[in-house]
Structures are given as C-alpha cells and as structure tokens.
C-alpha atoms as a PDB file:
ATOM      1  CA  MET A   1      -2.136  -9.771  11.377  1.00  0.00           C
ATOM      2  CA  ARG A   2      -1.270  -6.152  12.512  1.00  0.00           C
ATOM      3  CA  SER A   3      -0.063  -5.216  16.434  1.00  0.00           C
ATOM      4  CA  VAL A   4       2.574  -3.088  17.221  1.00  0.00           C
ATOM      5  CA  PRO A   5       5.909  -3.715  15.248  1.00  0.00           C
ATOM      6  CA  LEU A   6       7.942  -5.348  17.982  1.00  0.00           C
ATOM      7  CA  LEU A   7       6.002  -8.625  13.457  1.00  0.00           C
ATOM      8  CA  ALA A   8       5.132 -13.243   9.185  1.00  0.00           C
ATOM      9  CA  LEU A   9       6.070 -18.530   7.936  1.00  0.00           C
ATOM     10  CA  LEU A  10       4.828 -18.854   6.680  1.00  0.00           C
ATOM     11  CA  LEU A  11       5.585 -19.128   7.271  1.00  0.00           C
ATOM     12  CA  VAL A  12       3.935 -16.055   8.632  1.00  0.00           C
ATOM     13  CA  SER A  13       1.964 -10.755  12.743  1.00  0.00           C
ATOM     14  CA  ALA A  14      -0.290  -8.365  12.453  1.00  0.00           C
ATOM     15  CA  CYS A  15      -0.777  -7.103   8.911  1.00  0.00           C
ATOM     16  CA  SER A  16      -1.948  -4.222   7.059  1.00  0.00           C
ATOM     17  CA  ALA A  17      -0.013  -1.624   4.901  1.00  0.00           C
ATOM     18  CA  PRO A  18       3.321  -3.635   4.173  1.00  0.00           C
ATOM     19  CA  ALA A  19       6.744  -2.478   4.424  1.00  0.00           C
ATOM     20  CA  ALA A  20       9.073  -1.357   1.642  1.00  0.00           C
ATOM     21  CA  PRO A  21      11.068  -4.295   0.154  1.00  0.00           C
ATOM     22  CA  GLY A  22      14.550  -4.202   1.359  1.00  0.00           C
ATOM     23  CA  PRO A  23      17.085  -3.343   3.802  1.00  0.00           C
ATOM     24  CA  PRO A  24      14.675  -1.772   6.726  1.00  0.00           C
ATOM     25  CA  VAL A  25      14.961  -3.047   9.782  1.00  0.00           C
ATOM     26  CA  PRO A  26      11.715  -2.840  11.894  1.00  0.00           C
ATOM     27  CA  SER A  27      12.556  -1.249  15.353  1.00  0.00           C
ATOM     28  CA  PRO A  28      10.697  -2.803  18.395  1.00  0.00           C
ATOM     29  CA  VAL A  29       7.708  -0.508  19.967  1.00  0.00           C
ATOM     30  CA  SER A  30       5.301  -1.233  22.524  1.00  0.00           C
ATOM     31  CA  SER A  31       1.899   0.358  21.887  1.00  0.00           C
ATOM     32  CA  PRO A  32      -1.003  -1.803  20.056  1.00  0.00           C
ATOM     33  CA  VAL A  33      -2.000  -0.960  16.515  1.00  0.00           C
ATOM     34  CA  SER A  34       0.347  -1.072  13.596  1.00  0.00           C
ATOM     35  CA  SER A  35       0.554  -2.301  10.317  1.00  0.00           C
ATOM     36  CA  SER A  36       1.996  -5.186   7.932  1.00  0.00           C
ATOM     37  CA  ALA A  37       1.316  -8.885   7.673  1.00  0.00           C
ATOM     38  CA  SER A  38       3.005 -11.076   9.958  1.00  0.00           C
ATOM     39  CA  SER A  39       4.901  -8.231  10.771  1.00  0.00           C
ATOM     40  CA  THR A  40       3.179  -5.873  12.752  1.00  0.00           C
ATOM     41  CA  THR A  41       1.959  -6.660  16.334  1.00  0.00           C
ATOM     42  CA  THR A  42       1.926  -5.759  19.901  1.00  0.00           C
ATOM     43  CA  SER A  43       5.511  -5.349  21.216  1.00  0.00           C
ATOM     44  CA  ALA A  44       6.707  -7.769  24.220  1.00  0.00           C
ATOM     45  CA  SER A  45       6.944  -6.228  27.653  1.00  0.00           C
ATOM     46  CA  SER A  46       8.896  -8.576  30.084  1.00  0.00           C
ATOM     47  CA  THR A  47      12.785  -8.834  30.711  1.00  0.00           C
ATOM     48  CA  ALA A  48      12.358 -12.996  31.377  1.00  0.00           C
ATOM     49  CA  THR A  49      14.476 -14.691  29.218  1.00  0.00           C
ATOM     50  CA  ALA A  50      13.623 -17.880  27.328  1.00  0.00           C
ATOM     51  CA  THR A  51      14.628 -19.634  24.038  1.00  0.00           C
ATOM     52  CA  PRO A  52      11.953 -20.401  21.363  1.00  0.00           C
ATOM     53  CA  SER A  53       9.997 -23.602  21.366  1.00  0.00           C
ATOM     54  CA  PRO A  54      11.261 -26.552  20.137  1.00  0.00           C
ATOM     55  CA  ILE A  55      11.072 -26.697  16.238  1.00  0.00           C
ATOM     56  CA  PRO A  56       8.885 -29.821  15.438  1.00  0.00           C
ATOM     57  CA  THR A  57      10.443 -32.557  13.759  1.00  0.00           C
ATOM     58  CA  ALA A  58       9.046 -32.656   9.862  1.00  0.00           C
ATOM     59  CA  THR A  59       7.525 -36.054   9.284  1.00  0.00           C
ATOM     60  CA  PRO A  60       7.739 -37.789   5.891  1.00  0.00           C
ATOM     61  CA  THR A  61       9.078 -36.007   3.180  1.00  0.00           C
ATOM     62  CA  ALA A  62       7.315 -38.941   0.839  1.00  0.00           C
ATOM     63  CA  THR A  63      10.140 -40.992  -1.179  1.00  0.00           C
ATOM     64  CA  ASP A  64       7.671 -42.058  -3.888  1.00  0.00           C
ATOM     65  CA  THR A  65       7.756 -38.751  -5.796  1.00  0.00           C
ATOM     66  CA  ARG A  66       6.209 -38.104  -9.299  1.00  0.00           C
ATOM     67  CA  THR A  67       6.555 -35.219 -11.595  1.00  0.00           C
ATOM     68  CA  ALA A  68       3.464 -33.678 -13.010  1.00  0.00           C
ATOM     69  CA  THR A  69       2.710 -30.386 -14.708  1.00  0.00           C
ATOM     70  CA  ASP A  70      -0.034 -27.753 -13.462  1.00  0.00           C
ATOM     71  CA  THR A  71      -2.737 -27.594 -16.019  1.00  0.00           C
ATOM     72  CA  ARG A  72      -2.926 -23.608 -15.263  1.00  0.00           C
ATOM     73  CA  THR A  73       0.500 -22.513 -14.994  1.00  0.00           C
ATOM     74  CA  GLY A  74       2.680 -25.184 -17.148  1.00  0.00           C
ATOM     75  CA  ILE A  75       4.830 -25.718 -14.499  1.00  0.00           C
ATOM     76  CA  PRO A  76       6.613 -28.903 -13.487  1.00  0.00           C
ATOM     77  CA  ALA A  77       5.915 -29.627  -9.913  1.00  0.00           C
ATOM     78  CA  VAL A  78       7.281 -32.533  -7.894  1.00  0.00           C
ATOM     79  CA  ARG A  79       4.612 -34.279  -5.435  1.00  0.00           C
ATOM     80  CA  ALA A  80       5.062 -37.075  -3.053  1.00  0.00           C
ATOM     81  CA  ALA A  81       2.573 -39.669  -3.218  1.00  0.00           C
ATOM     82  CA  THR A  82       1.481 -38.457   0.246  1.00  0.00           C
ATOM     83  CA  PRO A  83       1.856 -34.721   0.148  1.00  0.00           C
ATOM     84  CA  VAL A  84       3.439 -32.693   3.306  1.00  0.00           C
ATOM     85  CA  VAL A  85       1.546 -29.605   3.764  1.00  0.00           C
ATOM     86  CA  VAL A  86       3.157 -27.494   6.869  1.00  0.00           C
ATOM     87  CA  LEU A  87       0.438 -24.949   8.632  1.00  0.00           C
ATOM     88  CA  ASP A  88       1.927 -22.332  10.290  1.00  0.00           C
ATOM     89  CA  PRO A  89      -0.269 -20.690  12.778  1.00  0.00           C
ATOM     90  CA  GLY A  90       1.411 -17.077  13.347  1.00  0.00           C
ATOM     91  CA  HIS A  91       2.754 -15.852  16.880  1.00  0.00           C
ATOM     92  CA  ASN A  92       3.045 -17.521  20.169  1.00  0.00           C
ATOM     93  CA  GLY A  93       1.344 -17.223  23.758  1.00  0.00           C
ATOM     94  CA  GLY A  94       4.511 -16.943  25.272  1.00  0.00           C
ATOM     95  CA  ASN A  95       6.137 -14.316  22.866  1.00  0.00           C
ATOM     96  CA  ALA A  96       4.924 -11.117  25.262  1.00  0.00           C
ATOM     97  CA  THR A  97       6.788 -12.182  28.119  1.00  0.00           C
ATOM     98  CA  HIS A  98       9.923 -12.668  26.199  1.00  0.00           C
ATOM     99  CA  PRO A  99      10.989  -9.589  24.664  1.00  0.00           C
ATOM    100  CA  ASP A 100      14.782 -10.857  24.330  1.00  0.00           C
ATOM    101  CA  VAL A 101      13.647 -13.793  22.051  1.00  0.00           C
ATOM    102  CA  VAL A 102      11.342 -12.212  19.888  1.00  0.00           C
ATOM    103  CA  ASN A 103      13.163  -8.752  19.529  1.00  0.00           C
ATOM    104  CA  ALA A 104      16.264 -10.536  18.323  1.00  0.00           C
ATOM    105  CA  LEU A 105      17.043  -9.794  14.538  1.00  0.00           C
ATOM    106  CA  VAL A 106      16.730 -12.947  12.142  1.00  0.00           C
ATOM    107  CA  PRO A 107      17.366 -13.227   8.407  1.00  0.00           C
ATOM    108  CA  ALA A 108      14.203 -12.548   6.544  1.00  0.00           C
ATOM    109  CA  GLY A 109      15.472 -12.847   2.675  1.00  0.00           C
ATOM    110  CA  GLY A 110      18.183  -9.994   1.755  1.00  0.00           C
ATOM    111  CA  PHE A 111      17.413  -8.037   5.177  1.00  0.00           C
ATOM    112  CA  GLU A 112      17.008  -9.039   8.720  1.00  0.00           C
ATOM    113  CA  LYS A 113      13.424  -8.470  10.954  1.00  0.00           C
ATOM    114  CA  PRO A 114      12.704  -9.542  14.691  1.00  0.00           C
ATOM    115  CA  CYS A 115      12.512 -13.117  15.547  1.00  0.00           C
ATOM    116  CA  ASN A 116       8.754 -13.038  16.119  1.00  0.00           C
ATOM    117  CA  THR A 117       5.874 -10.786  17.146  1.00  0.00           C
ATOM    118  CA  THR A 118       3.126 -10.925  19.890  1.00  0.00           C
ATOM    119  CA  GLY A 119       0.179 -10.657  17.250  1.00  0.00           C
ATOM    120  CA  THR A 120      -3.089  -8.518  17.625  1.00  0.00           C
ATOM    121  CA  GLU A 121      -6.162  -9.066  19.437  1.00  0.00           C
ATOM    122  CA  THR A 122      -9.891  -7.983  19.296  1.00  0.00           C
ATOM    123  CA  ASP A 123     -10.920  -5.323  21.690  1.00  0.00           C
ATOM    124  CA  ALA A 124     -12.288  -7.892  23.996  1.00  0.00           C
ATOM    125  CA  GLY A 125      -9.183  -9.401  24.423  1.00  0.00           C
ATOM    126  CA  TYR A 126      -9.333 -12.509  22.225  1.00  0.00           C
ATOM    127  CA  PRO A 127      -5.554 -12.904  20.842  1.00  0.00           C
ATOM    128  CA  GLU A 128      -4.607 -13.803  17.279  1.00  0.00           C
ATOM    129  CA  HIS A 129      -2.125 -16.174  18.658  1.00  0.00           C
ATOM    130  CA  ALA A 130      -4.807 -18.204  20.116  1.00  0.00           C
ATOM    131  CA  PHE A 131      -6.980 -17.790  16.847  1.00  0.00           C
ATOM    132  CA  THR A 132      -4.251 -18.987  14.734  1.00  0.00           C
ATOM    133  CA  PHE A 133      -3.304 -21.853  16.916  1.00  0.00           C
ATOM    134  CA  ASP A 134      -7.152 -23.168  16.897  1.00  0.00           C
ATOM    135  CA  VAL A 135      -7.858 -22.790  13.309  1.00  0.00           C
ATOM    136  CA  ALA A 136      -4.608 -24.540  12.593  1.00  0.00           C
ATOM    137  CA  GLU A 137      -5.585 -27.376  14.500  1.00  0.00           C
ATOM    138  CA  ARG A 138      -8.902 -27.933  13.009  1.00  0.00           C
ATOM    139  CA  ALA A 139      -7.423 -27.445   9.303  1.00  0.00           C
ATOM    140  CA  ALA A 140      -4.653 -30.109  10.163  1.00  0.00           C
ATOM    141  CA  ALA A 141      -7.507 -32.615  11.535  1.00  0.00           C
ATOM    142  CA  LEU A 142      -9.578 -32.310   8.446  1.00  0.00           C
ATOM    143  CA  LEU A 143      -6.602 -32.616   5.909  1.00  0.00           C
ATOM    144  CA  ARG A 144      -5.213 -35.485   7.784  1.00  0.00           C
ATOM    145  CA  ALA A 145      -8.579 -37.246   7.821  1.00  0.00           C
ATOM    146  CA  ARG A 146      -8.185 -36.748   4.005  1.00  0.00           C
ATOM    147  CA  GLY A 147      -4.872 -38.500   3.821  1.00  0.00           C
ATOM    148  CA  THR A 148      -2.677 -35.535   3.622  1.00  0.00           C
ATOM    149  CA  THR A 149       0.615 -35.316   5.959  1.00  0.00           C
ATOM    150  CA  VAL A 150       0.520 -32.265   8.017  1.00  0.00           C
ATOM    151  CA  VAL A 151       3.300 -30.839  10.041  1.00  0.00           C
ATOM    152  CA  LEU A 152       2.624 -27.725  12.472  1.00  0.00           C
ATOM    153  CA  THR A 153       5.263 -24.963  12.905  1.00  0.00           C
ATOM    154  CA  ARG A 154       4.381 -24.925  16.493  1.00  0.00           C
ATOM    155  CA  THR A 155       2.397 -27.766  18.699  1.00  0.00           C
ATOM    156  CA  ASP A 156       0.975 -25.481  21.507  1.00  0.00           C
ATOM    157  CA  ASP A 157      -0.177 -22.025  22.253  1.00  0.00           C
ATOM    158  CA  THR A 158       1.906 -21.263  25.284  1.00  0.00           C
ATOM    159  CA  GLY A 159       5.707 -21.189  23.831  1.00  0.00           C
ATOM    160  CA  VAL A 160       7.989 -18.829  22.355  1.00  0.00           C
ATOM    161  CA  GLY A 161       8.631 -18.445  18.597  1.00  0.00           C
ATOM    162  CA  PRO A 162       9.728 -19.992  16.568  1.00  0.00           C
ATOM    163  CA  CYS A 163      11.219 -17.075  15.043  1.00  0.00           C
ATOM    164  CA  VAL A 164      10.139 -16.863  11.329  1.00  0.00           C
ATOM    165  CA  ASP A 165      13.154 -18.048   9.639  1.00  0.00           C
ATOM    166  CA  ALA A 166      12.928 -21.156  11.538  1.00  0.00           C
ATOM    167  CA  ARG A 167       9.090 -21.676  10.311  1.00  0.00           C
ATOM    168  CA  ALA A 168      10.099 -21.063   6.844  1.00  0.00           C
ATOM    169  CA  ALA A 169      12.978 -23.811   7.311  1.00  0.00           C
ATOM    170  CA  ILE A 170      10.115 -26.294   8.659  1.00  0.00           C
ATOM    171  CA  ALA A 171       8.267 -26.311   5.149  1.00  0.00           C
ATOM    172  CA  ASN A 172      11.573 -26.170   3.064  1.00  0.00           C
ATOM    173  CA  ASP A 173      12.999 -29.074   5.141  1.00  0.00           C
ATOM    174  CA  ALA A 174       9.925 -31.271   4.878  1.00  0.00           C
ATOM    175  CA  GLY A 175       9.951 -30.822   1.203  1.00  0.00           C
ATOM    176  CA  ALA A 176       6.537 -29.401   1.913  1.00  0.00           C
ATOM    177  CA  ALA A 177       3.838 -29.217  -1.171  1.00  0.00           C
ATOM    178  CA  LEU A 178       2.549 -25.829   0.289  1.00  0.00           C
ATOM    179  CA  ALA A 179       2.797 -23.996   3.481  1.00  0.00           C
ATOM    180  CA  VAL A 180       0.089 -21.847   4.837  1.00  0.00           C
ATOM    181  CA  SER A 181       0.878 -19.409   7.331  1.00  0.00           C
ATOM    182  CA  ILE A 182      -2.358 -18.572   9.516  1.00  0.00           C
ATOM    183  CA  HIS A 183      -2.996 -14.999  10.660  1.00  0.00           C
ATOM    184  CA  ALA A 184      -5.784 -12.652  11.429  1.00  0.00           C
ATOM    185  CA  ASP A 185      -5.382  -8.580  11.083  1.00  0.00           C
ATOM    186  CA  GLY A 186      -5.332  -5.790  13.197  1.00  0.00           C
ATOM    187  CA  ALA A 187      -6.156  -2.938  10.985  1.00  0.00           C
ATOM    188  CA  PRO A 188      -8.326   0.120  11.640  1.00  0.00           C
ATOM    189  CA  ALA A 189     -11.720  -0.632  12.517  1.00  0.00           C
ATOM    190  CA  ASP A 190     -13.317   0.363   9.688  1.00  0.00           C
ATOM    191  CA  ASP A 191     -11.290  -2.042   7.428  1.00  0.00           C
ATOM    192  CA  THR A 192     -12.994  -5.432   6.304  1.00  0.00           C
ATOM    193  CA  GLY A 193     -12.397  -8.477   4.600  1.00  0.00           C
ATOM    194  CA  PHE A 194      -9.897 -11.303   4.488  1.00  0.00           C
ATOM    195  CA  HIS A 195      -6.761 -11.365   2.149  1.00  0.00           C
ATOM    196  CA  VAL A 196      -4.201 -13.643   1.103  1.00  0.00           C
ATOM    197  CA  ALA A 197      -0.508 -12.738   0.747  1.00  0.00           C
ATOM    198  CA  GLU A 198       1.891 -14.388  -1.782  1.00  0.00           C
ATOM    199  CA  PRO A 199       5.621 -14.052  -2.111  1.00  0.00           C
ATOM    200  CA  ALA A 200       7.066 -11.163  -4.315  1.00  0.00           C
ATOM    201  CA  LEU A 201      10.624 -11.771  -5.394  1.00  0.00           C
ATOM    202  CA  ALA A 202      12.724 -11.338  -2.348  1.00  0.00           C
ATOM    203  CA  PRO A 203      15.607  -8.748  -2.042  1.00  0.00           C
ATOM    204  CA  ASP A 204      17.819 -11.567  -2.300  1.00  0.00           C
ATOM    205  CA  GLY A 205      16.018 -13.592  -4.931  1.00  0.00           C
ATOM    206  CA  GLY A 206      16.114 -16.886  -3.249  1.00  0.00           C
ATOM    207  CA  ASN A 207      12.275 -17.382  -3.721  1.00  0.00           C
ATOM    208  CA  ARG A 208      12.351 -17.046  -7.485  1.00  0.00           C
ATOM    209  CA  ALA A 209      11.657 -20.537  -8.236  1.00  0.00           C
ATOM    210  CA  VAL A 210       8.261 -20.900  -6.284  1.00  0.00           C
ATOM    211  CA  LEU A 211       6.569 -17.629  -7.152  1.00  0.00           C
ATOM    212  CA  ASP A 212       4.147 -18.963  -9.683  1.00  0.00           C
ATOM    213  CA  PRO A 213       3.087 -22.050  -8.007  1.00  0.00           C
ATOM    214  CA  SER A 214       2.547 -19.571  -4.761  1.00  0.00           C
ATOM    215  CA  ASP A 215       0.235 -17.520  -6.891  1.00  0.00           C
ATOM    216  CA  VAL A 216      -1.488 -20.651  -8.160  1.00  0.00           C
ATOM    217  CA  ALA A 217      -2.095 -21.654  -4.332  1.00  0.00           C
ATOM    218  CA  ALA A 218      -2.955 -18.097  -3.264  1.00  0.00           C
ATOM    219  CA  ARG A 219      -6.040 -17.988  -5.620  1.00  0.00           C
ATOM    220  CA  ASP A 220      -7.150 -21.268  -4.903  1.00  0.00           C
ATOM    221  CA  LEU A 221      -7.227 -20.467  -1.227  1.00  0.00           C
ATOM    222  CA  LEU A 222      -8.477 -17.104  -1.884  1.00  0.00           C
ATOM    223  CA  ALA A 223     -11.408 -18.786  -3.549  1.00  0.00           C
ATOM    224  CA  ALA A 224     -11.908 -21.474  -1.178  1.00  0.00           C
ATOM    225  CA  PHE A 225     -11.926 -19.151   2.042  1.00  0.00           C
ATOM    226  CA  ALA A 226     -14.079 -16.878   0.775  1.00  0.00           C
ATOM    227  CA  GLU A 227     -16.909 -19.834  -0.178  1.00  0.00           C
ATOM    228  CA  ALA A 228     -16.671 -21.226   3.325  1.00  0.00           C
ATOM    229  CA  THR A 229     -16.789 -17.751   5.512  1.00  0.00           C
ATOM    230  CA  GLY A 230     -18.711 -15.527   3.526  1.00  0.00           C
ATOM    231  CA  LEU A 231     -16.336 -13.037   4.317  1.00  0.00           C
ATOM    232  CA  PRO A 232     -15.397 -10.350   1.572  1.00  0.00           C
ATOM    233  CA  ARG A 233     -12.389  -9.990   0.063  1.00  0.00           C
ATOM    234  CA  ALA A 234     -10.497  -6.844   1.636  1.00  0.00           C
ATOM    235  CA  ASP A 235      -9.651  -4.009  -0.382  1.00  0.00           C
ATOM    236  CA  TYR A 236      -7.621  -2.064   2.205  1.00  0.00           C
ATOM    237  CA  PRO A 237      -4.272  -3.541   2.193  1.00  0.00           C
ATOM    238  CA  GLY A 238      -1.274  -2.278   0.363  1.00  0.00           C
ATOM    239  CA  ASN A 239       0.654  -3.896  -2.791  1.00  0.00           C
ATOM    240  CA  LEU A 240      -3.135  -5.453  -4.097  1.00  0.00           C
ATOM    241  CA  VAL A 241      -2.723  -7.395  -7.221  1.00  0.00           C
ATOM    242  CA  GLU A 242      -6.975  -7.679  -6.681  1.00  0.00           C
ATOM    243  CA  PRO A 243      -9.499  -7.466  -3.800  1.00  0.00           C
ATOM    244  CA  GLY A 244      -8.296 -10.196  -1.411  1.00  0.00           C
ATOM    245  CA  LEU A 245      -5.013 -10.908  -2.933  1.00  0.00           C
ATOM    246  CA  THR A 246      -1.844  -9.224  -2.023  1.00  0.00           C
ATOM    247  CA  ARG A 247       1.960  -9.399  -3.183  1.00  0.00           C
ATOM    248  CA  ARG A 248       4.960  -9.028  -0.669  1.00  0.00           C
ATOM    249  CA  SER A 249       8.421  -9.261  -0.384  1.00  0.00           C
ATOM    250  CA  ASP A 250       8.682  -7.748   3.292  1.00  0.00           C
ATOM    251  CA  LEU A 251       7.789 -10.899   5.051  1.00  0.00           C
ATOM    252  CA  ALA A 252      10.297 -13.384   5.697  1.00  0.00           C
ATOM    253  CA  GLY A 253       8.281 -16.615   5.586  1.00  0.00           C
ATOM    254  CA  LEU A 254       7.566 -15.811   2.347  1.00  0.00           C
ATOM    255  CA  ASN A 255      10.940 -14.316   1.214  1.00  0.00           C
ATOM    256  CA  LEU A 256      12.742 -17.355   2.679  1.00  0.00           C
ATOM    257  CA  ALA A 257      10.450 -20.001   0.872  1.00  0.00           C
ATOM    258  CA  ARG A 258      11.854 -22.708  -1.011  1.00  0.00           C
ATOM    259  CA  THR A 259       8.246 -24.327  -1.767  1.00  0.00           C
ATOM    260  CA  PRO A 260       5.153 -23.037  -2.446  1.00  0.00           C
ATOM    261  CA  ALA A 261       3.875 -20.738   0.417  1.00  0.00           C
ATOM    262  CA  VAL A 262       1.249 -18.147   1.246  1.00  0.00           C
ATOM    263  CA  LEU A 263      -0.070 -16.048   4.389  1.00  0.00           C
ATOM    264  CA  LEU A 264      -3.717 -15.829   5.285  1.00  0.00           C
ATOM    265  CA  GLU A 265      -5.119 -12.612   6.929  1.00  0.00           C
ATOM    266  CA  ALA A 266      -8.459 -14.359   8.154  1.00  0.00           C
ATOM    267  CA  GLY A 267     -10.122 -10.674   9.105  1.00  0.00           C
ATOM    268  CA  ASN A 268      -9.588  -7.897  10.904  1.00  0.00           C
ATOM    269  CA  MET A 269      -9.987  -8.422  14.678  1.00  0.00           C
ATOM    270  CA  ARG A 270     -10.666  -4.744  15.200  1.00  0.00           C
ATOM    271  CA  ASN A 271     -13.444  -4.283  13.249  1.00  0.00           C
ATOM    272  CA  ALA A 272     -16.222  -5.162  15.812  1.00  0.00           C
ATOM    273  CA  ARG A 273     -18.433  -7.947  13.409  1.00  0.00           C
ATOM    274  CA  GLU A 274     -15.518  -9.273  12.266  1.00  0.00           C
ATOM    275  CA  ALA A 275     -14.304  -9.877  15.717  1.00  0.00           C
ATOM    276  CA  ALA A 276     -17.130 -11.434  16.844  1.00  0.00           C
ATOM    277  CA  GLN A 277     -16.966 -13.960  13.732  1.00  0.00           C
ATOM    278  CA  LEU A 278     -13.302 -14.786  14.444  1.00  0.00           C
ATOM    279  CA  SER A 279     -13.912 -15.380  18.336  1.00  0.00           C
ATOM    280  CA  ASP A 280     -16.776 -17.904  17.416  1.00  0.00           C
ATOM    281  CA  PRO A 281     -15.853 -21.639  17.422  1.00  0.00           C
ATOM    282  CA  ALA A 282     -18.563 -22.129  14.656  1.00  0.00           C
ATOM    283  CA  PHE A 283     -16.688 -19.558  12.388  1.00  0.00           C
ATOM    284  CA  ARG A 284     -13.560 -20.855  12.936  1.00  0.00           C
ATOM    285  CA  GLN A 285     -14.183 -24.530  11.943  1.00  0.00           C
ATOM    286  CA  ARG A 286     -15.511 -22.640   8.577  1.00  0.00           C
ATOM    287  CA  ALA A 287     -12.221 -20.852   8.405  1.00  0.00           C
ATOM    288  CA  ALA A 288     -10.279 -23.968   8.834  1.00  0.00           C
ATOM    289  CA  GLU A 289     -12.563 -25.662   6.309  1.00  0.00           C
ATOM    290  CA  GLY A 290     -11.734 -22.969   3.827  1.00  0.00           C
ATOM    291  CA  ILE A 291      -7.860 -23.599   4.312  1.00  0.00           C
ATOM    292  CA  ALA A 292      -8.469 -27.074   3.921  1.00  0.00           C
ATOM    293  CA  ALA A 293     -10.321 -26.610   0.625  1.00  0.00           C
ATOM    294  CA  GLY A 294      -8.102 -24.298  -0.808  1.00  0.00           C
ATOM    295  CA  VAL A 295      -4.915 -26.602  -0.019  1.00  0.00           C
ATOM    296  CA  GLU A 296      -6.908 -29.739  -1.583  1.00  0.00           C
ATOM    297  CA  ALA A 297      -7.673 -27.528  -4.539  1.00  0.00           C
ATOM    298  CA  PHE A 298      -3.794 -26.569  -4.849  1.00  0.00           C
ATOM    299  CA  LEU A 299      -2.813 -29.967  -4.674  1.00  0.00           C
ATOM    300  CA  ALA A 300      -5.311 -31.976  -6.789  1.00  0.00           C
ATOM    301  CA  ARG A 301      -3.509 -29.533  -9.749  1.00  0.00           C
ATOM    302  CA  SER A 302      -0.543 -31.332  -9.464  1.00  0.00           C
ATOM    303  CA  THR A 303      -1.245 -34.517  -8.354  1.00  0.00           C
ATOM    304  CA  PRO A 304      -0.781 -37.429 -10.885  1.00  0.00           C
END
C-alpha cells in the first residue's frame, strides 16, 4: 500500500519499507510512491474541509462466550458463539480531496501518525481504495454466508477516513475474534508478490496480549491467500520474518489492536503483471476467497 506519505486498521496505506518503530511523525508529502504499509500513500491536495465518515456501529459482540485453547500456541482464547470479524478496507475515495482531515495527527500506539492517506494506484489509474473496498465486500459476503458476523470499517468508497485509530477502535469495541486490514502495495515496479504484516510490540506496549494470536492468524492468512491466488510470497519488504510475512511496530492499526489483528498487502499495484491481476474482478474474487479461508482457518483453531 505504498503511495506518498501524507499513510495502516487495521486496521490498516500503501506499503513497502517499514518505518522505524517509535516516535517519528511522518510529514505529509504530495508526490506518488513512497513506502511503508498502510502508511505510505499519495498525499491529498485540496483545501476542502470534511469530517471522517461515520464509524460503523459494531454489531453484536456475542454474549455466549466460550473459552478454548489454541492447539498450536496453547494460548487461551475467548470466542463468541457467533464470531465477529472486522474487515478494514484501506483508505477511502474522498481522502484525496480532504487533506485537512487525513493529515491531522492521531494516536498510533506510543507516537502519532496522520489520520489516513490516499493509497496508491496502478499506472492505469485503478486506485487502491477501490480495490480494497471491493475485496472487503466480497470477503464479507463469503464469511456471512458461512455464519460469521462481519463488520466493515467503512461502508462505501466515497467518504473520508475513518482515521487509523478509529479503525482499530471498531475492532476493539466489537470484541472481534480477528481484524484484517486489506491493502495493496505501491512498491517499485520490479517487486512482486503479496505479504501479511503482523504486529510487533508497539512502542507503548499496549498490544502485547495479542501478539501471539495475531502471529497464528497471519500465518493462516498467508497460506490461504497464496493457495487461492497463486501469487508469490513477497521477499522485498523490510522486517521479514519469512517470505511473505513481516512484523511491524509502525502501523497504528496493529499497534492499537486489543484483539488479534493482521494487515494484508494483496500485491504490488506498480508491477505491471500484478496490476492487471488486481484490476480483474475474477482475481479479486479469488483474493476474497483467500481472505475468507484464512479467517476461517484461524477461527477454527479456537472455536470449541
């Protein structure tokens, strides 16, 4: 999800080289292509004023909760009878025309970051915000059809925001079993593949309790997305744990998470071959299937 810094939930834009954890505050810029998942994007360029889009009301945080132990990690987990999953489509269609909103600084887990960013786009002009919203809606439909309650952090592609801290709060307030922030990268054209970012310990230490389950979720999503789409696991991002998996402490959505959370960079919009795939509705359906399968694999681990 890289574009020019003005940019991550997811939760969670455009991304490539992760910023160093800690206090640095990105300064808004306005040319295209920068780097750092959910934290690099093209800067907005109008002086129009607006408030962030209304935050969706989180539907039921189930009352019938049960405790189980993850068989891979041994981590006790509380899951609702009907799991709640939050899908966070990165950016928004109105961000570019409201720099006063998206450039405002918000808490990011021990430091501050801009409220949001505009995201990247393909060379042909297909924007990341449209891609993420389309894939999120497709994945939500698949999960809902299988009995999972899904909350989206935004319900259209024409609004502004929400800010990255507000996106994280949606998942936290819903008591989500998992939050997945959906993005696409704006890396150099020769870079290929997708990757999943999991949280490292935030500078303020607030996400410590969700680090282990988020790692499990990230690996489930990594495997499912690779199988569904056929894309390679990227080896170009910084902070690689293994091909396709990074660990980040500079993304607000992951730093502020109090429930398991991951961020997906579904491919590189600046790579010609992957740009064609990301622009194809049939590929976006496969991407949605990969996300849904990864979510379901994670939920199955801790559902009694």
